[in-house]
Amino acid sequence: MKAIQIQNGDLVWEESEEPSLGPGQVRIENHATAVNRADLSQRAGGYPPPPGASPVLGLECAGVVTAVGEGVGRVVPGDEVCALLAGGGYAETVVVPAGQVLKKPGQLTMEEAASIPEVFATAYLNLFMEARLAKGEFAVVHAGASGVGTAAIQMCRAFGNPVFVTTGSQDKIDRCVEFGADAGMNRHEGDFAEAIKKWADGRGADVILDPVGGAYLAANLASLATDGRLVIIGLLGGATADVVLGTMMVKRLRIIGSTLRARSIAAKATIMDALKERVWPLLEDGSIRPVIERVYPVEEAADAHELIAGNQTFGKVVLRVRD
């Protein structure tokens, strides 16, 4: 098979060793994958794959099942599927634990299906499992125009949660509103804490989903209502910050650190099962849909990375592996 390999920082599409199929695993003829910021970090040497995971980039894929290992009954050869991966998506063949595989929503293209697993799993995990966002509670999603952001906005709308976004431009705010956000703020236009409080009936947000980290911590804590939860899923704005513990104690705030990639196979299967139950029906009927900025041939993965790094995208950037 062919796969993207990292050679002196460059991305090279070349012949590579095909992964072997073991018990409880599924082999997929890969048609498409999607680019995530984690891929850029791994390429730069800052985010190595978990032990035992493929060193090939790519945290999600969509394709056709060609074989299943012993004990697999979730899918059969010939099924069109998408999958959450710990690595290996930038390749013609993918092998993944069966619990991380779901049948593709019927009306979606392979490119659309490939853009779903990582961002919808991340958004669902952190909003509805880690933070336990309840119907009617107010949510804030930073980087609302990102893949995770657009997934989070749509799920909040579907499950009855008003949602406020921050983005880098008014155009992105307007597009987030089209997808279900109630309001937003350009992050370049000052402190968002007061804007969030005003929007959330003067009391603040119940849950904040944040990929920024250190640079936003103080304003995030100021934005939360009593018993609010902050889930940090990235460190784009730094890995350290001071915490005012008194504020946390008085308001009974919780800060939750969370990553998806390094979780156990069983934990990922639980997340995918939750998506199948609550989100897949909404994808099937079109209530929720994947948001794609652009599709590149996999051979142009470097150009796709450059587009992501420029921070001008809305939704996902997808790599087509085969037609």
Protein backbone atom coordinates (compact mmCIF):
# COMPACT_ATOMS: atom_id res chain seq x y z
CA MET A 1 0.00 0.00 0.00
CA LYS A 2 0.95 3.66 -0.16
CA ALA A 3 0.95 6.06 2.79
CA ILE A 4 2.20 9.51 3.69
CA GLN A 5 5.56 9.35 5.43
CA ILE A 6 7.33 12.23 7.19
CA GLN A 7 10.83 12.73 5.76
CA ASN A 8 12.82 15.65 7.20
CA GLY A 9 9.55 17.41 7.89
CA ASP A 10 8.19 16.85 4.37
CA LEU A 11 5.13 14.72 3.59
CA VAL A 12 5.90 12.02 1.01
CA TRP A 13 3.34 9.64 -0.55
CA GLU A 14 5.23 6.37 -0.98
CA GLU A 15 5.10 2.61 -0.65
CA SER A 16 4.73 1.54 2.99
CA GLU A 17 4.18 -1.63 4.97
CA GLU A 18 0.54 -2.67 5.16
CA PRO A 19 -0.79 -3.07 8.73
CA SER A 20 -1.63 -6.59 9.87
CA LEU A 21 -5.12 -7.60 10.98
CA GLY A 22 -5.58 -9.01 14.48
CA PRO A 23 -8.48 -10.27 16.62
CA GLY A 24 -11.15 -7.66 17.25
CA GLN A 25 -9.91 -5.47 14.40
CA VAL A 26 -11.28 -4.26 11.07
CA ARG A 27 -9.35 -3.73 7.83
CA ILE A 28 -10.61 -0.80 5.73
CA GLU A 29 -9.90 0.09 2.12
CA ASN A 30 -9.47 3.78 2.81
CA HIS A 31 -11.17 6.33 0.57
CA ALA A 32 -10.68 9.53 2.57
CA THR A 33 -9.21 10.97 5.72
CA ALA A 34 -9.22 14.44 7.28
CA VAL A 35 -6.60 16.82 8.61
CA ASN A 36 -6.53 17.73 12.31
CA ARG A 37 -4.22 20.11 14.14
CA ALA A 38 -2.81 17.10 15.95
CA ASP A 39 -1.40 15.98 12.58
CA LEU A 40 0.50 19.26 12.25
CA SER A 41 1.85 18.84 15.78
CA GLN A 42 2.93 15.24 15.13
CA ARG A 43 4.63 16.28 11.89
CA ALA A 44 6.57 18.91 13.84
CA GLY A 45 7.68 16.31 16.40
CA GLY A 46 5.49 17.57 19.23
CA TYR A 47 2.73 14.97 19.43
CA PRO A 48 3.95 11.37 19.09
CA PRO A 49 1.37 8.61 18.60
CA PRO A 50 0.37 6.52 21.63
CA PRO A 51 2.27 3.25 22.18
CA GLY A 52 1.24 0.66 19.61
CA ALA A 53 -0.50 3.14 17.31
CA SER A 54 0.45 3.62 13.67
CA PRO A 55 3.14 6.29 13.17
CA VAL A 56 1.31 7.38 10.00
CA LEU A 57 -0.65 10.62 10.37
CA GLY A 58 -4.44 10.63 10.36
CA LEU A 59 -7.00 10.32 13.16
CA GLU A 60 -10.07 9.37 11.12
CA CYS A 61 -11.04 7.73 7.87
CA ALA A 62 -13.88 6.50 5.69
CA GLY A 63 -13.89 3.54 3.34
CA VAL A 64 -15.02 -0.02 2.72
CA VAL A 65 -14.45 -2.98 5.05
CA THR A 66 -12.34 -5.63 3.33
CA ALA A 67 -11.78 -8.04 6.25
CA VAL A 68 -12.57 -8.48 9.94
CA GLY A 69 -10.62 -10.19 12.67
CA GLU A 70 -11.76 -12.93 15.01
CA GLY A 71 -14.69 -11.92 17.22
CA VAL A 72 -15.88 -8.98 15.13
CA GLY A 73 -19.62 -8.81 14.50
CA ARG A 74 -20.09 -5.06 14.36
CA VAL A 75 -19.39 -4.83 10.61
CA VAL A 76 -18.81 -7.23 7.72
CA PRO A 77 -16.76 -7.05 4.53
CA GLY A 78 -18.42 -4.73 2.04
CA ASP A 79 -19.80 -2.31 4.63
CA GLU A 80 -19.13 1.38 4.02
CA VAL A 81 -17.82 2.79 7.28
CA CYS A 82 -16.00 5.61 9.00
CA ALA A 83 -13.63 5.18 11.91
CA LEU A 84 -11.87 6.97 14.75
CA LEU A 85 -8.14 6.25 14.66
CA ALA A 86 -5.11 6.69 16.91
CA GLY A 87 -3.09 7.03 13.70
CA GLY A 88 -2.83 5.64 10.19
CA GLY A 89 -5.43 7.61 8.24
CA TYR A 90 -3.09 9.02 5.57
CA ALA A 91 -2.83 5.59 3.93
CA GLU A 92 -4.56 3.33 1.42
CA THR A 93 -5.27 0.64 4.04
CA VAL A 94 -6.28 1.14 7.67
CA VAL A 95 -6.62 -1.39 10.50
CA VAL A 96 -8.59 -0.26 13.54
CA PRO A 97 -10.31 -1.81 16.59
CA ALA A 98 -13.90 -2.69 15.72
CA GLY A 99 -15.38 -0.56 18.52
CA GLN A 100 -14.05 2.56 16.81
CA VAL A 101 -15.88 1.82 13.55
CA LEU A 102 -19.40 2.89 12.59
CA LYS A 103 -21.34 2.35 9.39
CA LYS A 104 -21.30 5.44 7.21
CA PRO A 105 -24.50 7.52 7.30
CA GLY A 106 -26.06 6.41 4.03
CA GLN A 107 -26.44 9.68 2.14
CA LEU A 108 -22.98 11.06 2.92
CA THR A 109 -20.00 10.89 0.58
CA MET A 110 -16.80 9.24 1.73
CA GLU A 111 -15.18 12.66 2.07
CA GLU A 112 -18.03 13.86 4.28
CA ALA A 113 -17.95 10.71 6.39
CA ALA A 114 -14.18 11.00 6.87
CA SER A 115 -14.65 14.45 8.40
CA ILE A 116 -16.93 13.18 11.18
CA PRO A 117 -15.25 10.79 13.67
CA GLU A 118 -12.50 12.85 15.32
CA VAL A 119 -14.32 16.15 15.70
CA PHE A 120 -17.74 14.79 16.60
CA ALA A 121 -16.20 12.35 19.09
CA THR A 122 -14.13 15.16 20.61
CA ALA A 123 -17.06 17.56 20.90
CA TYR A 124 -19.49 14.96 22.23
CA LEU A 125 -17.02 13.49 24.70
CA ASN A 126 -16.07 16.80 26.23
CA LEU A 127 -19.41 18.60 26.25
CA PHE A 128 -21.80 15.79 27.08
CA MET A 129 -19.70 13.16 28.84
CA GLU A 130 -16.90 15.03 30.63
CA ALA A 131 -18.78 18.29 31.36
CA ARG A 132 -22.23 16.66 31.51
CA LEU A 133 -23.87 19.53 29.66
CA ALA A 134 -27.59 19.28 30.45
CA LYS A 135 -30.47 20.44 28.28
CA GLY A 136 -30.98 24.18 28.62
CA GLU A 137 -27.53 24.94 30.03
CA PHE A 138 -25.46 27.65 28.34
CA ALA A 139 -22.35 26.55 26.43
CA VAL A 140 -19.39 28.50 25.08
CA VAL A 141 -17.29 27.08 22.24
CA HIS A 142 -13.96 28.75 21.51
CA ALA A 143 -12.64 28.37 17.94
CA GLY A 144 -16.23 27.98 16.81
CA ALA A 145 -15.27 27.83 13.12
CA SER A 146 -13.01 24.80 13.60
CA GLY A 147 -14.02 21.23 12.90
CA VAL A 148 -14.67 20.58 16.59
CA GLY A 149 -16.41 23.93 16.86
CA THR A 150 -18.84 23.35 14.00
CA ALA A 151 -19.64 19.88 15.36
CA ALA A 152 -20.17 21.27 18.87
CA ILE A 153 -22.45 24.08 17.66
CA GLN A 154 -24.72 21.69 15.79
CA MET A 155 -24.97 19.22 18.66
CA CYS A 156 -25.73 22.00 21.14
CA ARG A 157 -28.52 23.24 18.89
CA ALA A 158 -29.90 19.71 18.48
CA PHE A 159 -29.81 18.91 22.20
CA GLY A 160 -31.29 22.18 23.46
CA ASN A 161 -28.26 24.16 24.58
CA PRO A 162 -27.82 27.86 23.75
CA VAL A 163 -24.26 28.33 22.47
CA PHE A 164 -21.89 31.32 22.23
CA VAL A 165 -18.78 31.16 20.05
CA THR A 166 -15.52 33.00 19.73
CA THR A 167 -13.79 33.16 16.34
CA GLY A 168 -11.26 35.28 14.49
CA SER A 169 -13.65 37.28 12.27
CA GLN A 170 -17.20 38.53 11.97
CA ASP A 171 -17.68 36.44 8.84
CA LYS A 172 -16.92 33.28 10.82
CA ILE A 173 -19.31 34.36 13.57
CA ASP A 174 -22.05 34.85 10.98
CA ARG A 175 -21.44 31.39 9.55
CA CYS A 176 -21.46 29.84 13.03
CA VAL A 177 -24.85 31.48 13.64
CA GLU A 178 -26.11 29.89 10.42
CA PHE A 179 -25.18 26.50 11.88
CA GLY A 180 -26.96 27.15 15.17
CA ALA A 181 -24.86 29.42 17.39
CA ASP A 182 -26.91 32.03 19.25
CA ALA A 183 -24.21 34.71 19.41
CA GLY A 184 -20.47 35.21 19.18
CA MET A 185 -17.50 37.52 19.54
CA ASN A 186 -14.40 38.22 17.50
CA ARG A 187 -11.50 37.17 19.73
CA HIS A 188 -9.46 40.13 18.45
CA GLU A 189 -11.94 42.64 19.85
CA GLY A 190 -11.26 42.44 23.58
CA ASP A 191 -12.16 40.43 26.67
CA PHE A 192 -14.94 37.95 25.98
CA ALA A 193 -15.91 37.41 29.64
CA GLU A 194 -18.30 40.35 29.88
CA ALA A 195 -19.87 39.53 26.52
CA ILE A 196 -20.51 35.96 27.66
CA LYS A 197 -22.00 37.04 30.98
CA LYS A 198 -24.33 39.49 29.27
CA TRP A 199 -25.41 36.85 26.77
CA ALA A 200 -25.98 34.22 29.49
CA ASP A 201 -28.54 36.26 31.45
CA GLY A 202 -25.84 37.95 33.53
CA ARG A 203 -24.76 34.80 35.34
CA GLY A 204 -22.22 33.28 32.95
CA ALA A 205 -21.84 30.06 31.01
CA ASP A 206 -22.38 26.59 32.43
CA VAL A 207 -19.79 24.88 30.21
CA ILE A 208 -16.87 26.20 28.15
CA LEU A 209 -15.06 24.09 25.54
CA ASP A 210 -11.57 25.51 25.06
CA PRO A 211 -8.69 24.50 22.75
CA VAL A 212 -6.61 27.57 23.67
CA GLY A 213 -5.43 26.87 27.21
CA GLY A 214 -3.24 29.23 29.17
CA ALA A 215 -4.00 32.52 27.45
CA TYR A 216 -7.75 32.10 28.02
CA LEU A 217 -7.78 30.62 31.53
CA ALA A 218 -8.46 33.77 33.57
CA ALA A 219 -11.18 35.03 31.21
CA ASN A 220 -12.71 31.56 31.03
CA LEU A 221 -13.02 31.34 34.82
CA ALA A 222 -14.53 34.82 34.89
CA SER A 223 -17.04 33.74 32.23
CA LEU A 224 -18.39 30.75 34.14
CA ALA A 225 -21.53 30.66 36.23
CA THR A 226 -21.59 29.08 39.67
CA ASP A 227 -20.99 25.31 39.30
CA GLY A 228 -19.55 25.96 35.82
CA ARG A 229 -17.22 23.55 34.05
CA LEU A 230 -14.25 24.42 31.83
CA VAL A 231 -12.97 21.66 29.56
CA ILE A 232 -9.51 22.30 28.13
CA ILE A 233 -8.80 20.24 24.99
CA GLY A 234 -5.82 22.11 23.54
CA LEU A 235 -2.93 24.41 24.34
CA LEU A 236 -2.79 26.73 21.34
CA GLY A 237 -2.45 29.68 23.74
CA GLY A 238 0.11 28.20 26.11
CA ALA A 239 0.46 25.35 28.59
CA THR A 240 0.70 27.34 31.83
CA ALA A 241 -1.33 30.02 33.61
CA ASP A 242 -2.07 31.29 37.12
CA VAL A 243 -5.29 30.13 38.74
CA VAL A 244 -7.26 32.21 41.25
CA LEU A 245 -8.23 29.42 43.59
CA GLY A 246 -10.57 31.61 45.62
CA THR A 247 -12.75 32.22 42.58
CA MET A 248 -12.87 28.49 41.89
CA MET A 249 -13.88 27.72 45.46
CA VAL A 250 -16.54 30.41 45.81
CA LYS A 251 -18.15 29.58 42.45
CA ARG A 252 -17.55 25.80 42.78
CA LEU A 253 -15.86 25.70 39.38
CA ARG A 254 -14.30 22.66 37.77
CA ILE A 255 -11.41 22.60 35.30
CA ILE A 256 -11.27 19.40 33.26
CA GLY A 257 -8.26 18.50 31.14
CA SER A 258 -9.09 16.12 28.31
CA THR A 259 -7.56 14.39 25.32
CA LEU A 260 -9.08 11.74 23.06
CA ARG A 261 -6.24 10.06 21.19
CA ALA A 262 -4.54 8.37 24.15
CA ARG A 263 -7.72 6.93 25.66
CA SER A 264 -8.17 3.17 25.78
CA ILE A 265 -9.83 1.19 23.00
CA ALA A 266 -12.73 0.48 25.36
CA ALA A 267 -13.17 4.17 26.17
CA LYS A 268 -13.17 5.12 22.50
CA ALA A 269 -15.72 2.41 21.77
CA THR A 270 -17.99 3.87 24.46
CA ILE A 271 -17.75 7.31 22.84
CA MET A 272 -18.49 5.91 19.38
CA ASP A 273 -21.47 3.98 20.72
CA ALA A 274 -22.82 7.21 22.21
CA LEU A 275 -22.41 8.93 18.83
CA LYS A 276 -24.23 6.06 17.14
CA GLU A 277 -27.16 6.41 19.54
CA ARG A 278 -27.51 10.20 19.75
CA VAL A 279 -25.78 11.77 16.74
CA TRP A 280 -25.95 9.23 13.89
CA PRO A 281 -29.74 9.57 13.52
CA LEU A 282 -29.29 13.33 13.13
CA LEU A 283 -26.64 12.80 10.47
CA GLU A 284 -28.92 10.35 8.71
CA ASP A 285 -31.84 12.80 8.54
CA GLY A 286 -29.68 15.84 7.76
CA SER A 287 -30.35 17.70 11.02
CA ILE A 288 -26.58 17.71 11.57
CA ARG A 289 -24.07 17.69 8.73
CA PRO A 290 -20.31 17.65 8.32
CA VAL A 291 -18.75 20.98 7.39
CA ILE A 292 -15.92 20.85 4.85
CA GLU A 293 -13.75 23.76 3.76
CA ARG A 294 -11.84 21.94 1.02
CA VAL A 295 -10.89 18.50 -0.29
CA TYR A 296 -7.32 17.77 -1.48
CA PRO A 297 -5.83 14.65 -3.06
CA VAL A 298 -3.79 12.87 -0.41
CA GLU A 299 -0.63 13.55 -2.43
CA GLU A 300 -1.20 17.25 -1.66
CA ALA A 301 -1.31 16.73 2.11
CA ALA A 302 1.35 19.39 2.64
CA ASP A 303 -0.88 22.00 1.00
CA ALA A 304 -3.74 20.89 3.24
CA HIS A 305 -1.54 21.36 6.30
CA GLU A 306 -0.58 24.82 5.12
CA LEU A 307 -4.23 25.77 4.74
CA ILE A 308 -5.03 24.59 8.29
CA ALA A 309 -2.02 26.44 9.70
CA GLY A 310 -3.27 29.69 8.15
CA ASN A 311 -6.32 29.75 10.48
CA GLN A 312 -8.68 30.81 7.70
CA THR A 313 -10.70 27.62 7.37
CA PHE A 314 -14.30 26.96 8.36
CA GLY A 315 -14.88 23.32 9.25
CA LYS A 316 -12.72 20.44 8.07
CA VAL A 317 -10.02 19.94 5.44
CA VAL A 318 -10.26 16.49 3.86
CA LEU A 319 -7.77 14.31 1.95
CA ARG A 320 -9.14 12.06 -0.81
CA VAL A 321 -7.18 8.80 -0.82
CA ARG A 322 -9.04 7.10 -3.70
CA ASP A 323 -12.08 7.85 -5.84
